[in-house]
Amino acid sequence: MAGNTVSAGIHIGELTEHRGVRECLEWFTREKRWINESHLQLCRVPAPTFVEQERAAWFQEQFREAGWEAAIDRAGNVIATLGAAPYVALTAHLDTVLAPRGKDDIRVGPDGRFHGPGVSDNGAGLAALLAVARAWKSSSGLPESAAGLLLVANVGEEGEGNLLGMRHLCKQSPLARKIQAFLIVDGANIDHITTRALGSRRFEVTFTGPGGHSWSDFGVGNPVHALCRAVAFFSETRLDGGKDCGGKDSGGKDSWGKDGGPKSSVNVGLIEGGSGVNAIAQTARAKVDIRSENNQRMDELVEILTSAVDRSRDIENQRANGGRVAAKLKEIGSRPAAALAENAAILRYLRAVEGHLGIRSHLDCSSTDANIPLSLGIPALAVGAGGLGGGAHTTQEWYSPEGRDLGLKRIFLTLLLLMRDGAGGNPAGGNGK
């Protein structure tokens, strides 16, 4: 492994001596103002999940103006291509959890920080995509490579988007079998590399009943009561117990100490139902998020949720002296857990680039677009675009462009190494073990 890293380091030395590569690296530093202005402009185009069309059209035009062949695929992803297959893909998701109500919601503070919904997640990643596109075409020529390049601004990464854009790209798209590696840019900070895909499964729990008046119909099955009971049962789940699924953290220790289970979480994020304080509800529902580093553990937690719902329904119907309640559990999202092989070329190359640039980072586990390619055995990792960001998914989100060019250089040099060697040819370990 050490020899491979040294080899990658030698490649970097050769690459940075190339005239075209030097021109691109200088461009990232010289064109800070253009990158910042483009960043603010793209964030002012609303793109909440499932409504990314306007921003996608804007991106397609930006790619074309920069000299790329660009199109929007059937899922809504914007695809820009260079060269022939096999490809290395650089991606960033278009959608945001919150959207600006107007252009003034995206603003620059006195300290130079950007403020507003999506400026870091994923304004930073999308700005990196545009910067790479512009820099690439501004050079006098780059080294020959064994792989082509795809730039992808994809839809449906956040929340109930359920990674739909990346699923299409990896499974249904004509490009699906032609992509050898994914470098995914999500957020700003460059102090981490996501090599393990945090899995999640999401459900909508619905109880229904006859409803009625809180006084005259008292005693009929009550969906709100049944739902609250089910939530209470499920929230008492011991996450440090159950079967030992062999989950490990990056330090090689069991994530839950002596109990040995993989790190997992459960959350009831939304509860709704009923029409008034003096009315027995006809419907009550909740949305549940289950996460784990291990697919088997997620399956076990789904079984626990199912049991909690069934038990609550039965108790409510046993107590009722009138109409009964019914329960339905509907899966509304599923993201597989997986992990990049420790000896994957993409990670070795990125580490070598970081050594060249003086960047220090740690490996982490998170839920990103990388979940899909990793689960299919395609090498993938996610990184920050450069600069600093915080407050993601809130109205207080912010981004500082200070030092952004370091992150852009990391992305660019890693791409060149992957393309030069045809993505390295090393498979990922996609089983989440």
Protein backbone atom coordinates (compact mmCIF):
# COMPACT_ATOMS: atom_id res chain seq x y z
CA MET A 1 0.00 0.00 0.00
CA ALA A 2 2.87 2.33 0.83
CA GLY A 3 4.36 1.71 -2.60
CA ASN A 4 1.09 2.60 -4.28
CA THR A 5 0.86 5.83 -2.32
CA VAL A 6 4.41 6.72 -3.34
CA SER A 7 3.49 5.99 -6.94
CA ALA A 8 0.49 8.29 -6.69
CA GLY A 9 2.71 10.95 -5.17
CA ILE A 10 5.14 10.68 -8.11
CA HIS A 11 2.22 11.13 -10.48
CA ILE A 12 1.25 14.31 -8.65
CA GLY A 13 4.76 15.67 -9.06
CA GLU A 14 4.62 14.96 -12.76
CA LEU A 15 1.13 16.42 -13.10
CA THR A 16 1.89 19.69 -11.34
CA GLU A 17 4.83 20.27 -13.68
CA HIS A 18 2.51 20.06 -16.68
CA ARG A 19 1.74 23.48 -18.17
CA GLY A 20 -2.03 22.93 -18.45
CA VAL A 21 -2.28 21.63 -14.89
CA ARG A 22 -0.39 24.66 -13.55
CA GLU A 23 -2.77 26.92 -15.46
CA CYS A 24 -5.81 25.29 -13.83
CA LEU A 25 -4.31 25.41 -10.35
CA GLU A 26 -3.54 29.10 -10.83
CA TRP A 27 -7.06 29.67 -12.19
CA PHE A 28 -8.65 28.43 -8.93
CA THR A 29 -6.72 31.08 -6.99
CA ARG A 30 -6.96 33.88 -9.55
CA GLU A 31 -10.68 33.57 -10.26
CA LYS A 32 -11.97 33.69 -6.68
CA ARG A 33 -14.28 36.58 -7.47
CA TRP A 34 -15.92 34.74 -10.40
CA ILE A 35 -16.36 31.60 -8.33
CA ASN A 36 -17.93 33.56 -5.45
CA GLU A 37 -20.32 35.43 -7.76
CA SER A 38 -21.36 32.18 -9.48
CA HIS A 39 -21.88 30.58 -6.07
CA LEU A 40 -24.25 33.33 -4.96
CA GLN A 41 -26.07 33.34 -8.29
CA LEU A 42 -26.78 29.60 -8.27
CA CYS A 43 -28.02 29.72 -4.66
CA ARG A 44 -30.55 32.37 -5.67
CA VAL A 45 -32.20 29.88 -8.04
CA PRO A 46 -34.56 27.86 -5.77
CA ALA A 47 -34.14 24.08 -5.90
CA PRO A 48 -36.06 22.31 -3.13
CA THR A 49 -36.13 18.54 -3.49
CA PHE A 50 -38.41 17.45 -6.37
CA VAL A 51 -38.44 21.03 -7.77
CA GLU A 52 -34.90 21.36 -9.12
CA GLN A 53 -35.88 22.05 -12.74
CA GLU A 54 -35.09 25.79 -12.81
CA ARG A 55 -31.65 25.32 -11.28
CA ALA A 56 -30.98 22.36 -13.60
CA ALA A 57 -31.73 24.50 -16.66
CA TRP A 58 -29.45 27.22 -15.28
CA PHE A 59 -26.66 24.69 -14.81
CA GLN A 60 -27.03 23.26 -18.27
CA GLU A 61 -26.58 26.73 -19.72
CA GLN A 62 -23.51 27.37 -17.52
CA PHE A 63 -21.87 24.15 -18.68
CA ARG A 64 -22.56 24.96 -22.32
CA GLU A 65 -21.18 28.49 -21.97
CA ALA A 66 -18.01 26.96 -20.53
CA GLY A 67 -17.64 24.79 -23.65
CA TRP A 68 -19.03 21.46 -22.44
CA GLU A 69 -21.58 19.20 -24.09
CA ALA A 70 -24.42 19.18 -21.56
CA ALA A 71 -27.86 17.63 -21.34
CA ILE A 72 -30.56 16.90 -18.77
CA ASP A 73 -31.37 13.21 -18.37
CA ARG A 74 -34.72 11.57 -17.65
CA ALA A 75 -34.29 11.90 -13.88
CA GLY A 76 -33.50 15.63 -14.12
CA ASN A 77 -29.72 15.34 -13.64
CA VAL A 78 -27.52 17.73 -15.59
CA ILE A 79 -24.75 15.77 -17.33
CA ALA A 80 -21.69 17.37 -18.94
CA THR A 81 -19.25 15.08 -20.77
CA LEU A 82 -15.64 15.17 -21.90
CA GLY A 83 -13.92 12.33 -23.69
CA ALA A 84 -15.08 8.74 -24.04
CA ALA A 85 -15.95 5.92 -21.67
CA PRO A 86 -14.91 4.65 -19.22
CA TYR A 87 -15.68 7.74 -17.12
CA VAL A 88 -14.77 9.23 -13.79
CA ALA A 89 -17.74 11.20 -12.40
CA LEU A 90 -17.53 14.40 -10.37
CA THR A 91 -20.96 15.08 -8.86
CA ALA A 92 -22.77 17.54 -6.60
CA HIS A 93 -26.46 17.53 -5.71
CA LEU A 94 -28.74 20.32 -6.92
CA ASP A 95 -31.45 20.15 -4.26
CA THR A 96 -31.71 21.86 -0.89
CA VAL A 97 -33.78 21.18 2.23
CA LEU A 98 -34.85 24.82 2.45
CA ALA A 99 -35.25 27.25 -0.44
CA PRO A 100 -34.78 31.03 -0.49
CA ARG A 101 -38.08 32.96 -0.59
CA GLY A 102 -36.40 35.66 -2.62
CA LYS A 103 -32.98 36.65 -3.91
CA ASP A 104 -32.36 38.80 -0.83
CA ASP A 105 -32.37 35.66 1.32
CA ILE A 106 -28.94 34.88 -0.17
CA ARG A 107 -26.62 37.61 1.05
CA VAL A 108 -23.03 38.41 2.00
CA GLY A 109 -22.28 39.58 5.53
CA PRO A 110 -19.78 42.26 6.57
CA ASP A 111 -17.24 39.52 7.33
CA GLY A 112 -17.47 38.09 3.82
CA ARG A 113 -19.53 35.08 4.81
CA PHE A 114 -22.42 33.97 2.63
CA HIS A 115 -25.76 33.53 4.39
CA GLY A 116 -28.97 31.80 3.35
CA PRO A 117 -30.58 28.43 2.62
CA GLY A 118 -28.26 26.03 0.80
CA VAL A 119 -25.16 28.24 0.63
CA SER A 120 -23.02 25.46 2.07
CA ASP A 121 -25.15 22.34 1.44
CA ASN A 122 -24.84 22.20 -1.44
CA GLY A 123 -23.99 25.61 -2.85
CA ALA A 124 -20.33 24.95 -2.09
CA GLY A 125 -20.36 21.65 -3.97
CA LEU A 126 -22.16 23.09 -6.99
CA ALA A 127 -19.79 26.06 -7.15
CA ALA A 128 -16.90 23.57 -7.19
CA LEU A 129 -18.52 21.78 -10.13
CA LEU A 130 -18.73 25.04 -12.08
CA ALA A 131 -15.18 26.02 -11.13
CA VAL A 132 -13.75 22.70 -12.35
CA ALA A 133 -15.75 23.03 -15.59
CA ARG A 134 -14.42 26.54 -16.26
CA ALA A 135 -10.83 25.83 -15.23
CA TRP A 136 -10.69 22.67 -17.35
CA LYS A 137 -11.67 24.51 -20.51
CA SER A 138 -9.43 27.51 -19.76
CA SER A 139 -6.21 25.49 -19.88
CA SER A 140 -3.99 25.13 -22.94
CA GLY A 141 -4.36 21.35 -22.61
CA LEU A 142 -4.25 18.67 -19.94
CA PRO A 143 -2.39 15.33 -19.81
CA GLU A 144 -3.69 12.38 -21.75
CA SER A 145 -5.91 10.08 -19.74
CA ALA A 146 -7.33 6.56 -19.83
CA ALA A 147 -10.80 7.72 -18.81
CA GLY A 148 -13.24 10.47 -19.74
CA LEU A 149 -14.86 12.89 -17.33
CA LEU A 150 -18.50 13.38 -16.36
CA LEU A 151 -19.66 16.44 -14.47
CA VAL A 152 -23.04 15.77 -12.86
CA ALA A 153 -25.39 18.14 -11.03
CA ASN A 154 -27.87 15.59 -9.73
CA VAL A 155 -31.35 15.78 -8.23
CA GLY A 156 -33.00 14.18 -5.22
CA GLU A 157 -30.21 13.84 -2.65
CA GLU A 158 -31.95 15.37 0.34
CA GLY A 159 -34.65 13.82 2.55
CA GLU A 160 -37.40 11.99 0.73
CA GLY A 161 -35.62 12.51 -2.56
CA ASN A 162 -34.10 9.17 -1.56
CA LEU A 163 -31.02 9.65 -3.80
CA LEU A 164 -33.24 9.33 -6.87
CA GLY A 165 -30.84 11.18 -9.19
CA MET A 166 -27.88 9.02 -8.24
CA ARG A 167 -30.00 5.84 -8.41
CA HIS A 168 -30.92 6.70 -11.99
CA LEU A 169 -27.34 7.49 -12.93
CA CYS A 170 -26.03 4.21 -11.48
CA LYS A 171 -28.86 1.90 -12.54
CA GLN A 172 -31.12 3.15 -15.36
CA SER A 173 -28.95 5.65 -17.24
CA PRO A 174 -27.17 4.62 -20.48
CA LEU A 175 -24.02 5.76 -18.64
CA ALA A 176 -24.57 3.40 -15.71
CA ARG A 177 -22.07 0.71 -16.75
CA LYS A 178 -19.55 3.21 -18.05
CA ILE A 179 -18.65 4.99 -14.79
CA GLN A 180 -15.64 3.55 -12.98
CA ALA A 181 -15.46 5.89 -9.99
CA PHE A 182 -17.38 8.71 -8.29
CA LEU A 183 -15.89 11.76 -6.56
CA ILE A 184 -18.85 13.39 -4.82
CA VAL A 185 -18.70 16.97 -3.53
CA ASP A 186 -21.11 17.68 -0.70
CA GLY A 187 -20.76 20.69 1.58
CA ALA A 188 -17.69 22.76 2.30
CA ASN A 189 -15.27 21.55 4.96
CA ILE A 190 -12.20 19.60 3.80
CA ASP A 191 -11.36 18.03 7.18
CA HIS A 192 -13.16 14.77 6.40
CA ILE A 193 -13.52 12.09 3.72
CA THR A 194 -16.72 10.02 3.67
CA THR A 195 -15.74 6.45 2.85
CA ARG A 196 -18.51 4.65 4.75
CA ALA A 197 -22.13 5.01 3.71
CA LEU A 198 -24.55 5.45 6.60
CA GLY A 199 -27.67 3.49 5.75
CA SER A 200 -31.20 4.66 6.44
CA ARG A 201 -34.75 3.41 6.07
CA ARG A 202 -37.73 5.74 6.44
CA PHE A 203 -41.35 4.90 7.09
CA GLU A 204 -44.73 6.54 7.36
CA VAL A 205 -46.86 4.99 10.10
CA THR A 206 -50.61 5.60 9.71
CA PHE A 207 -53.45 4.70 12.07
CA THR A 208 -57.06 5.13 10.94
CA GLY A 209 -60.39 4.79 12.75
CA PRO A 210 -64.04 5.87 12.64
CA GLY A 211 -63.47 9.14 14.49
CA GLY A 212 -66.24 10.97 16.31
CA HIS A 213 -67.13 13.37 19.13
CA SER A 214 -64.78 13.38 22.11
CA TRP A 215 -67.78 12.96 24.51
CA SER A 216 -70.60 11.15 22.74
CA ASP A 217 -68.31 8.74 20.86
CA PHE A 218 -65.81 8.17 23.63
CA GLY A 219 -64.60 4.57 23.63
CA VAL A 220 -64.14 4.06 19.90
CA GLY A 221 -60.64 3.24 18.74
CA ASN A 222 -58.54 6.40 18.70
CA PRO A 223 -55.80 6.64 16.02
CA VAL A 224 -53.93 9.38 17.91
CA HIS A 225 -53.80 7.30 21.08
CA ALA A 226 -52.64 4.26 19.13
CA LEU A 227 -49.96 6.23 17.28
CA CYS A 228 -48.60 7.82 20.46
CA ARG A 229 -48.43 4.40 22.10
CA ALA A 230 -46.55 2.99 19.09
CA VAL A 231 -44.07 5.88 19.19
CA ALA A 232 -43.50 5.30 22.90
CA PHE A 233 -42.92 1.58 22.37
CA PHE A 234 -40.48 2.18 19.53
CA SER A 235 -38.59 4.99 21.27
CA GLU A 236 -37.75 2.59 24.11
CA THR A 237 -35.69 0.43 21.72
CA ARG A 238 -32.23 -0.35 23.10
CA LEU A 239 -29.78 0.55 20.37
CA ASP A 240 -26.81 -0.93 22.19
CA GLY A 241 -28.33 -4.36 22.44
CA GLY A 242 -29.78 -6.87 20.02
CA LYS A 243 -27.76 -9.12 17.78
CA ASP A 244 -24.07 -8.51 17.28
CA CYS A 245 -23.80 -7.41 13.65
CA GLY A 246 -20.08 -6.78 13.87
CA GLY A 247 -20.24 -3.02 13.30
CA LYS A 248 -16.88 -1.27 13.62
CA ASP A 249 -15.88 2.36 13.73
CA SER A 250 -12.83 3.78 11.97
CA GLY A 251 -10.66 2.93 14.97
CA GLY A 252 -11.47 -0.77 14.73
CA LYS A 253 -13.50 -0.87 17.95
CA ASP A 254 -17.10 -1.85 18.39
CA SER A 255 -19.19 1.29 18.02
CA TRP A 256 -21.22 0.36 21.08
CA GLY A 257 -18.40 -0.88 23.30
CA LYS A 258 -18.90 -4.17 25.08
CA ASP A 259 -22.37 -4.72 23.60
CA GLY A 260 -20.79 -5.07 20.16
CA GLY A 261 -23.60 -3.71 17.95
CA PRO A 262 -23.08 -1.28 15.07
CA LYS A 263 -23.83 2.37 15.66
CA SER A 264 -27.50 3.06 14.93
CA SER A 265 -30.19 5.67 15.57
CA VAL A 266 -33.97 6.02 15.46
CA ASN A 267 -36.05 9.18 15.24
CA VAL A 268 -39.72 10.10 14.94
CA GLY A 269 -39.43 13.36 13.08
CA LEU A 270 -43.06 14.22 12.29
CA ILE A 271 -46.42 13.53 13.95
CA GLU A 272 -49.74 14.79 12.62
CA GLY A 273 -53.44 13.98 12.82
CA GLY A 274 -56.81 15.05 14.13
CA SER A 275 -58.99 18.05 13.43
CA GLY A 276 -59.79 19.56 16.82
CA VAL A 277 -59.48 19.22 20.57
CA ASN A 278 -63.04 17.90 20.93
CA ALA A 279 -62.91 15.45 18.01
CA ILE A 280 -61.64 11.89 17.95
CA ALA A 281 -59.28 11.72 15.00
CA GLN A 282 -59.97 9.58 11.97
CA THR A 283 -56.31 9.55 10.97
CA ALA A 284 -52.95 9.99 12.66
CA ARG A 285 -49.54 9.51 11.10
CA ALA A 286 -45.87 9.78 11.90
CA LYS A 287 -42.65 9.64 9.88
CA VAL A 288 -39.81 7.53 11.27
CA ASP A 289 -36.11 7.57 10.41
CA ILE A 290 -33.94 4.51 11.11
CA ARG A 291 -30.18 4.72 10.53
CA SER A 292 -27.29 2.32 10.93
CA GLU A 293 -23.84 1.54 9.65
CA ASN A 294 -25.07 -2.00 9.04
CA ASN A 295 -27.90 -3.22 6.80
CA GLN A 296 -28.73 -6.22 9.02
CA ARG A 297 -29.16 -3.99 12.05
CA MET A 298 -31.52 -1.74 10.07
CA ASP A 299 -33.61 -4.77 9.18
CA GLU A 300 -33.81 -5.68 12.87
CA LEU A 301 -34.94 -2.16 13.78
CA VAL A 302 -37.61 -2.31 11.08
CA GLU A 303 -38.89 -5.51 12.69
CA ILE A 304 -39.01 -3.73 16.06
CA LEU A 305 -40.95 -0.83 14.51
CA THR A 306 -43.40 -3.25 12.90
CA SER A 307 -43.89 -5.03 16.21
CA ALA A 308 -44.48 -1.71 18.03
CA VAL A 309 -47.15 -0.70 15.51
CA ASP A 310 -48.92 -4.08 15.65
CA ARG A 311 -48.81 -4.20 19.44
CA SER A 312 -50.19 -0.67 19.76
CA ARG A 313 -53.02 -1.41 17.32
CA ASP A 314 -53.99 -4.56 19.24
CA ILE A 315 -53.96 -2.79 22.60
CA GLU A 316 -56.11 0.06 21.29
CA ASN A 317 -58.63 -2.36 19.81
CA GLN A 318 -58.78 -4.39 23.02
CA ARG A 319 -59.62 -1.20 24.94
CA ALA A 320 -62.20 0.02 22.42
CA ASN A 321 -65.92 -0.62 22.92
CA GLY A 322 -66.81 0.62 19.44
CA GLY A 323 -65.08 1.10 16.10
CA ARG A 324 -61.62 -0.32 15.75
CA VAL A 325 -58.37 1.18 14.43
CA ALA A 326 -56.27 -0.10 11.54
CA ALA A 327 -52.54 0.42 11.03
CA LYS A 328 -50.37 0.73 7.93
CA LEU A 329 -46.58 0.89 7.67
CA LYS A 330 -45.28 2.34 4.39
CA GLU A 331 -41.61 2.59 3.46
CA ILE A 332 -40.86 6.02 2.00
CA GLY A 333 -37.09 5.84 1.70
CA SER A 334 -34.18 3.41 1.75
CA ARG A 335 -30.46 4.13 1.57
CA PRO A 336 -28.13 1.13 1.76
CA ALA A 337 -25.17 1.01 4.13
CA ALA A 338 -21.83 0.19 2.49
CA ALA A 339 -18.11 0.90 2.72
CA LEU A 340 -15.21 1.69 0.42
CA ALA A 341 -12.45 -0.93 0.38
CA GLU A 342 -9.50 0.20 2.49
CA ASN A 343 -7.09 -0.29 -0.41
CA ALA A 344 -9.25 1.46 -3.03
CA ALA A 345 -7.21 3.48 -5.52
CA ILE A 346 -9.51 6.49 -5.21
CA LEU A 347 -8.69 6.81 -1.51
CA ARG A 348 -4.95 6.32 -2.05
CA TYR A 349 -4.94 9.02 -4.71
CA LEU A 350 -6.90 11.45 -2.57
CA ARG A 351 -4.58 10.86 0.39
CA ALA A 352 -1.56 11.44 -1.82
CA VAL A 353 -3.04 14.71 -3.09
CA GLU A 354 -3.73 15.81 0.48
CA GLY A 355 -0.12 15.07 1.39
CA HIS A 356 1.05 17.20 -1.53
CA LEU A 357 -1.24 20.09 -0.58
CA GLY A 358 -0.69 19.82 3.18
CA ILE A 359 -4.31 18.88 4.00
CA ARG A 360 -5.11 16.78 7.08
CA SER A 361 -8.43 14.94 7.19
CA HIS A 362 -10.15 11.99 8.85
CA LEU A 363 -12.38 9.24 7.49
CA ASP A 364 -16.05 9.36 8.46
CA CYS A 365 -19.43 7.72 7.98
CA SER A 366 -22.32 9.73 6.55
CA SER A 367 -25.36 9.51 4.29
CA THR A 368 -24.54 10.99 0.87
CA ASP A 369 -24.96 10.22 -2.82
CA ALA A 370 -22.00 7.86 -2.39
CA ASN A 371 -24.37 5.33 -0.74
CA ILE A 372 -25.62 4.15 -4.12
CA PRO A 373 -22.38 3.52 -6.04
CA LEU A 374 -20.74 2.01 -2.94
CA SER A 375 -23.63 -0.40 -2.49
CA LEU A 376 -23.13 -1.48 -6.13
CA GLY A 377 -19.40 -2.05 -5.69
CA ILE A 378 -18.35 1.12 -7.55
CA PRO A 379 -15.50 3.09 -5.91
CA ALA A 380 -16.87 6.34 -4.49
CA LEU A 381 -16.21 8.84 -1.75
CA ALA A 382 -17.55 12.22 -0.72
CA VAL A 383 -15.52 15.31 0.16
CA GLY A 384 -16.08 18.96 0.97
CA ALA A 385 -15.53 21.62 -1.70
CA GLY A 386 -13.29 23.95 0.30
CA GLY A 387 -13.90 26.91 2.58
CA LEU A 388 -15.97 26.53 5.72
CA GLY A 389 -19.69 26.05 6.27
CA GLY A 390 -22.23 25.49 9.00
CA GLY A 391 -25.91 25.57 9.95
CA ALA A 392 -26.92 23.19 7.16
CA HIS A 393 -30.67 22.54 6.77
CA THR A 394 -31.53 25.65 8.83
CA THR A 395 -32.32 29.29 8.09
CA GLN A 396 -28.99 30.18 9.73
CA GLU A 397 -26.86 28.35 7.14
CA TRP A 398 -23.58 30.08 6.28
CA TYR A 399 -20.48 29.64 4.14
CA SER A 400 -17.04 31.26 4.22
CA PRO A 401 -15.09 31.16 0.93
CA GLU A 402 -11.76 31.74 2.67
CA GLY A 403 -9.37 29.02 1.52
CA ARG A 404 -11.81 27.59 -1.03
CA ASP A 405 -9.08 27.20 -3.66
CA LEU A 406 -7.30 24.55 -1.58
CA GLY A 407 -10.36 22.32 -1.73
CA LEU A 408 -10.74 22.91 -5.47
CA LYS A 409 -7.13 21.93 -6.10
CA ARG A 410 -7.65 18.75 -4.08
CA ILE A 411 -10.65 17.82 -6.24
CA PHE A 412 -8.92 18.68 -9.52
CA LEU A 413 -5.69 16.76 -8.86
CA THR A 414 -7.59 13.71 -7.61
CA LEU A 415 -9.65 13.69 -10.80
CA LEU A 416 -6.53 13.85 -12.94
CA LEU A 417 -4.97 10.89 -11.14
CA LEU A 418 -8.14 8.82 -11.45
CA MET A 419 -8.52 9.66 -15.13
CA ARG A 420 -4.86 9.11 -15.93
CA ASP A 421 -4.93 5.59 -14.49
CA GLY A 422 -8.46 4.72 -15.62
CA ALA A 423 -9.89 5.12 -12.09
CA GLY A 424 -7.28 2.74 -10.71
CA GLY A 425 -9.22 -0.42 -11.45
CA ASN A 426 -9.78 -1.26 -7.78
CA PRO A 427 -13.30 -2.35 -6.74
CA ALA A 428 -15.07 -1.01 -3.70
CA GLY A 429 -16.23 -3.16 -0.83
CA GLY A 430 -19.95 -2.59 -1.04
CA ASN A 431 -21.34 -4.98 1.53
CA GLY A 432 -21.32 -2.67 4.53
CA LYS A 433 -19.37 -5.16 6.67
